[in-house]
Protein backbone atom coordinates (compact mmCIF):
# COMPACT_ATOMS: atom_id res chain seq x y z
CA UNK A 1 0.00 0.00 0.00
CA UNK A 2 1.41 3.37 -1.00
CA UNK A 3 1.48 6.26 1.45
CA UNK A 4 1.34 9.88 0.34
CA UNK A 5 4.13 11.01 2.67
CA UNK A 6 3.92 14.65 1.59
CA UNK A 7 0.41 14.72 3.05
CA UNK A 8 0.84 12.21 5.86
CA UNK A 9 4.00 13.59 7.51
CA UNK A 10 2.61 17.06 8.36
CA UNK A 11 -0.50 15.37 9.78
CA UNK A 12 1.68 13.10 11.93
CA UNK A 13 3.81 16.02 13.10
CA UNK A 14 0.69 17.90 14.19
CA UNK A 15 -0.70 14.81 15.91
CA UNK A 16 2.45 14.14 17.96
CA UNK A 17 2.97 17.85 18.75
CA UNK A 18 -0.55 17.83 20.15
CA UNK A 19 0.05 14.59 22.10
CA UNK A 20 3.04 16.08 23.93
CA UNK A 21 2.53 19.84 23.87
CA UNK A 22 -1.29 20.15 23.59
CA UNK A 23 -0.98 22.50 20.58
CA UNK A 24 -4.47 21.83 19.19
CA UNK A 25 -2.88 21.82 15.73
CA UNK A 26 -4.29 18.36 14.99
CA UNK A 27 -7.86 17.62 14.08
CA UNK A 28 -8.89 14.23 12.91
CA UNK A 29 -9.73 10.74 14.00
CA UNK A 30 -6.62 8.54 13.79
CA UNK A 31 -8.54 5.52 15.11
CA UNK A 32 -11.05 5.70 12.25
CA UNK A 33 -8.35 6.23 9.64
CA UNK A 34 -6.38 3.25 10.89
CA UNK A 35 -9.53 1.10 11.02
CA UNK A 36 -10.01 1.90 7.32
CA UNK A 37 -6.40 0.99 6.59
CA UNK A 38 -6.84 -2.22 8.59
CA UNK A 39 -9.66 -3.07 6.18
CA UNK A 40 -7.17 -2.86 3.31
CA UNK A 41 -4.15 -4.32 5.10
CA UNK A 42 -4.79 -6.54 8.09
CA UNK A 43 -2.63 -5.17 10.92
CA UNK A 44 -0.98 -7.88 12.98
CA UNK A 45 0.58 -7.81 16.45
CA UNK A 46 3.95 -7.86 14.67
CA UNK A 47 3.04 -4.65 12.81
CA UNK A 48 2.25 -2.86 16.06
CA UNK A 49 5.40 -4.14 17.74
CA UNK A 50 7.60 -3.16 14.79
CA UNK A 51 6.02 0.31 14.61
CA UNK A 52 6.64 0.94 18.31
CA UNK A 53 10.23 -0.30 18.12
CA UNK A 54 10.96 2.03 15.16
CA UNK A 55 9.20 4.94 16.85
CA UNK A 56 11.02 4.44 20.13
CA UNK A 57 14.39 3.97 18.41
CA UNK A 58 13.90 7.16 16.38
CA UNK A 59 12.98 9.15 19.49
CA UNK A 60 16.06 7.81 21.31
CA UNK A 61 18.30 8.75 18.37
CA UNK A 62 16.96 12.29 17.98
CA UNK A 63 15.79 13.43 21.41
CA UNK A 64 16.53 13.18 25.12
CA UNK A 65 14.77 14.24 28.28
CA UNK A 66 11.40 14.19 29.91
CA UNK A 67 9.36 14.83 26.74
CA UNK A 68 11.10 12.02 24.86
CA UNK A 69 10.10 9.58 27.59
CA UNK A 70 6.57 11.00 27.63
CA UNK A 71 6.10 10.61 23.88
CA UNK A 72 7.35 7.00 23.98
CA UNK A 73 4.97 6.22 26.84
CA UNK A 74 2.04 7.81 25.01
CA UNK A 75 3.00 6.07 21.76
CA UNK A 76 2.91 2.71 23.50
CA UNK A 77 -0.48 3.52 25.03
CA UNK A 78 -1.90 4.67 21.70
CA UNK A 79 -0.49 1.65 19.90
CA UNK A 80 -1.92 -0.71 22.49
CA UNK A 81 -5.37 0.90 22.32
CA UNK A 82 -5.33 0.82 18.53
CA UNK A 83 -4.41 -2.82 18.59
CA UNK A 84 -7.23 -3.60 21.02
CA UNK A 85 -9.83 -1.60 19.09
CA UNK A 86 -8.70 -2.30 15.53
CA UNK A 87 -7.25 -5.77 15.64
CA UNK A 88 -9.43 -7.17 18.40
CA UNK A 89 -9.00 -10.80 19.16
CA UNK A 90 -5.27 -10.66 18.53
CA UNK A 91 -2.70 -10.66 21.31
CA UNK A 92 -1.32 -7.44 22.79
CA UNK A 93 2.22 -6.16 22.36
CA UNK A 94 4.72 -8.27 24.23
C-alpha atoms as a PDB file:
ATOM      1  CA  UNK A   1       0.000   0.000   0.000  1.00  0.00           C
ATOM      2  CA  UNK A   2       1.407   3.372  -0.999  1.00  0.00           C
ATOM      3  CA  UNK A   3       1.481   6.259   1.454  1.00  0.00           C
ATOM      4  CA  UNK A   4       1.340   9.880   0.335  1.00  0.00           C
ATOM      5  CA  UNK A   5       4.131  11.007   2.666  1.00  0.00           C
ATOM      6  CA  UNK A   6       3.915  14.650   1.586  1.00  0.00           C
ATOM      7  CA  UNK A   7       0.409  14.722   3.048  1.00  0.00           C
ATOM      8  CA  UNK A   8       0.843  12.214   5.856  1.00  0.00           C
ATOM      9  CA  UNK A   9       4.001  13.593   7.509  1.00  0.00           C
ATOM     10  CA  UNK A  10       2.611  17.057   8.356  1.00  0.00           C
ATOM     11  CA  UNK A  11      -0.500  15.367   9.782  1.00  0.00           C
ATOM     12  CA  UNK A  12       1.683  13.098  11.927  1.00  0.00           C
ATOM     13  CA  UNK A  13       3.808  16.025  13.098  1.00  0.00           C
ATOM     14  CA  UNK A  14       0.686  17.903  14.185  1.00  0.00           C
ATOM     15  CA  UNK A  15      -0.697  14.812  15.906  1.00  0.00           C
ATOM     16  CA  UNK A  16       2.454  14.139  17.957  1.00  0.00           C
ATOM     17  CA  UNK A  17       2.969  17.846  18.747  1.00  0.00           C
ATOM     18  CA  UNK A  18      -0.547  17.830  20.151  1.00  0.00           C
ATOM     19  CA  UNK A  19       0.049  14.591  22.104  1.00  0.00           C
ATOM     20  CA  UNK A  20       3.045  16.078  23.926  1.00  0.00           C
ATOM     21  CA  UNK A  21       2.527  19.842  23.872  1.00  0.00           C
ATOM     22  CA  UNK A  22      -1.285  20.154  23.587  1.00  0.00           C
ATOM     23  CA  UNK A  23      -0.981  22.497  20.585  1.00  0.00           C
ATOM     24  CA  UNK A  24      -4.473  21.832  19.193  1.00  0.00           C
ATOM     25  CA  UNK A  25      -2.882  21.819  15.730  1.00  0.00           C
ATOM     26  CA  UNK A  26      -4.289  18.356  14.988  1.00  0.00           C
ATOM     27  CA  UNK A  27      -7.864  17.621  14.080  1.00  0.00           C
ATOM     28  CA  UNK A  28      -8.894  14.234  12.911  1.00  0.00           C
ATOM     29  CA  UNK A  29      -9.726  10.737  14.000  1.00  0.00           C
ATOM     30  CA  UNK A  30      -6.624   8.541  13.793  1.00  0.00           C
ATOM     31  CA  UNK A  31      -8.541   5.522  15.107  1.00  0.00           C
ATOM     32  CA  UNK A  32     -11.051   5.697  12.255  1.00  0.00           C
ATOM     33  CA  UNK A  33      -8.345   6.234   9.639  1.00  0.00           C
ATOM     34  CA  UNK A  34      -6.381   3.245  10.892  1.00  0.00           C
ATOM     35  CA  UNK A  35      -9.534   1.104  11.015  1.00  0.00           C
ATOM     36  CA  UNK A  36     -10.012   1.896   7.320  1.00  0.00           C
ATOM     37  CA  UNK A  37      -6.400   0.990   6.588  1.00  0.00           C
ATOM     38  CA  UNK A  38      -6.836  -2.221   8.591  1.00  0.00           C
ATOM     39  CA  UNK A  39      -9.660  -3.074   6.184  1.00  0.00           C
ATOM     40  CA  UNK A  40      -7.168  -2.862   3.307  1.00  0.00           C
ATOM     41  CA  UNK A  41      -4.153  -4.317   5.105  1.00  0.00           C
ATOM     42  CA  UNK A  42      -4.790  -6.539   8.090  1.00  0.00           C
ATOM     43  CA  UNK A  43      -2.632  -5.168  10.917  1.00  0.00           C
ATOM     44  CA  UNK A  44      -0.980  -7.875  12.979  1.00  0.00           C
ATOM     45  CA  UNK A  45       0.577  -7.812  16.454  1.00  0.00           C
ATOM     46  CA  UNK A  46       3.953  -7.861  14.674  1.00  0.00           C
ATOM     47  CA  UNK A  47       3.037  -4.653  12.807  1.00  0.00           C
ATOM     48  CA  UNK A  48       2.252  -2.856  16.060  1.00  0.00           C
ATOM     49  CA  UNK A  49       5.398  -4.143  17.736  1.00  0.00           C
ATOM     50  CA  UNK A  50       7.599  -3.156  14.788  1.00  0.00           C
ATOM     51  CA  UNK A  51       6.022   0.315  14.608  1.00  0.00           C
ATOM     52  CA  UNK A  52       6.638   0.938  18.307  1.00  0.00           C
ATOM     53  CA  UNK A  53      10.229  -0.295  18.116  1.00  0.00           C
ATOM     54  CA  UNK A  54      10.959   2.027  15.161  1.00  0.00           C
ATOM     55  CA  UNK A  55       9.195   4.942  16.848  1.00  0.00           C
ATOM     56  CA  UNK A  56      11.025   4.443  20.126  1.00  0.00           C
ATOM     57  CA  UNK A  57      14.389   3.975  18.413  1.00  0.00           C
ATOM     58  CA  UNK A  58      13.896   7.160  16.385  1.00  0.00           C
ATOM     59  CA  UNK A  59      12.978   9.154  19.492  1.00  0.00           C
ATOM     60  CA  UNK A  60      16.059   7.812  21.306  1.00  0.00           C
ATOM     61  CA  UNK A  61      18.302   8.751  18.374  1.00  0.00           C
ATOM     62  CA  UNK A  62      16.962  12.286  17.983  1.00  0.00           C
ATOM     63  CA  UNK A  63      15.794  13.432  21.414  1.00  0.00           C
ATOM     64  CA  UNK A  64      16.529  13.182  25.118  1.00  0.00           C
ATOM     65  CA  UNK A  65      14.769  14.235  28.275  1.00  0.00           C
ATOM     66  CA  UNK A  66      11.397  14.191  29.905  1.00  0.00           C
ATOM     67  CA  UNK A  67       9.358  14.826  26.742  1.00  0.00           C
ATOM     68  CA  UNK A  68      11.104  12.023  24.862  1.00  0.00           C
ATOM     69  CA  UNK A  69      10.104   9.578  27.590  1.00  0.00           C
ATOM     70  CA  UNK A  70       6.573  10.997  27.627  1.00  0.00           C
ATOM     71  CA  UNK A  71       6.103  10.608  23.877  1.00  0.00           C
ATOM     72  CA  UNK A  72       7.346   7.004  23.977  1.00  0.00           C
ATOM     73  CA  UNK A  73       4.972   6.224  26.837  1.00  0.00           C
ATOM     74  CA  UNK A  74       2.044   7.808  25.009  1.00  0.00           C
ATOM     75  CA  UNK A  75       3.001   6.075  21.758  1.00  0.00           C
ATOM     76  CA  UNK A  76       2.914   2.710  23.502  1.00  0.00           C
ATOM     77  CA  UNK A  77      -0.477   3.523  25.032  1.00  0.00           C
ATOM     78  CA  UNK A  78      -1.902   4.670  21.698  1.00  0.00           C
ATOM     79  CA  UNK A  79      -0.489   1.647  19.899  1.00  0.00           C
ATOM     80  CA  UNK A  80      -1.921  -0.714  22.494  1.00  0.00           C
ATOM     81  CA  UNK A  81      -5.372   0.897  22.323  1.00  0.00           C
ATOM     82  CA  UNK A  82      -5.330   0.821  18.527  1.00  0.00           C
ATOM     83  CA  UNK A  83      -4.405  -2.819  18.586  1.00  0.00           C
ATOM     84  CA  UNK A  84      -7.230  -3.602  21.016  1.00  0.00           C
ATOM     85  CA  UNK A  85      -9.827  -1.598  19.087  1.00  0.00           C
ATOM     86  CA  UNK A  86      -8.702  -2.297  15.525  1.00  0.00           C
ATOM     87  CA  UNK A  87      -7.252  -5.771  15.639  1.00  0.00           C
ATOM     88  CA  UNK A  88      -9.431  -7.171  18.403  1.00  0.00           C
ATOM     89  CA  UNK A  89      -9.004 -10.800  19.157  1.00  0.00           C
ATOM     90  CA  UNK A  90      -5.273 -10.658  18.530  1.00  0.00           C
ATOM     91  CA  UNK A  91      -2.702 -10.658  21.312  1.00  0.00           C
ATOM     92  CA  UNK A  92      -1.319  -7.441  22.790  1.00  0.00           C
ATOM     93  CA  UNK A  93       2.217  -6.158  22.363  1.00  0.00           C
ATOM     94  CA  UNK A  94       4.724  -8.269  24.226  1.00  0.00           C
END
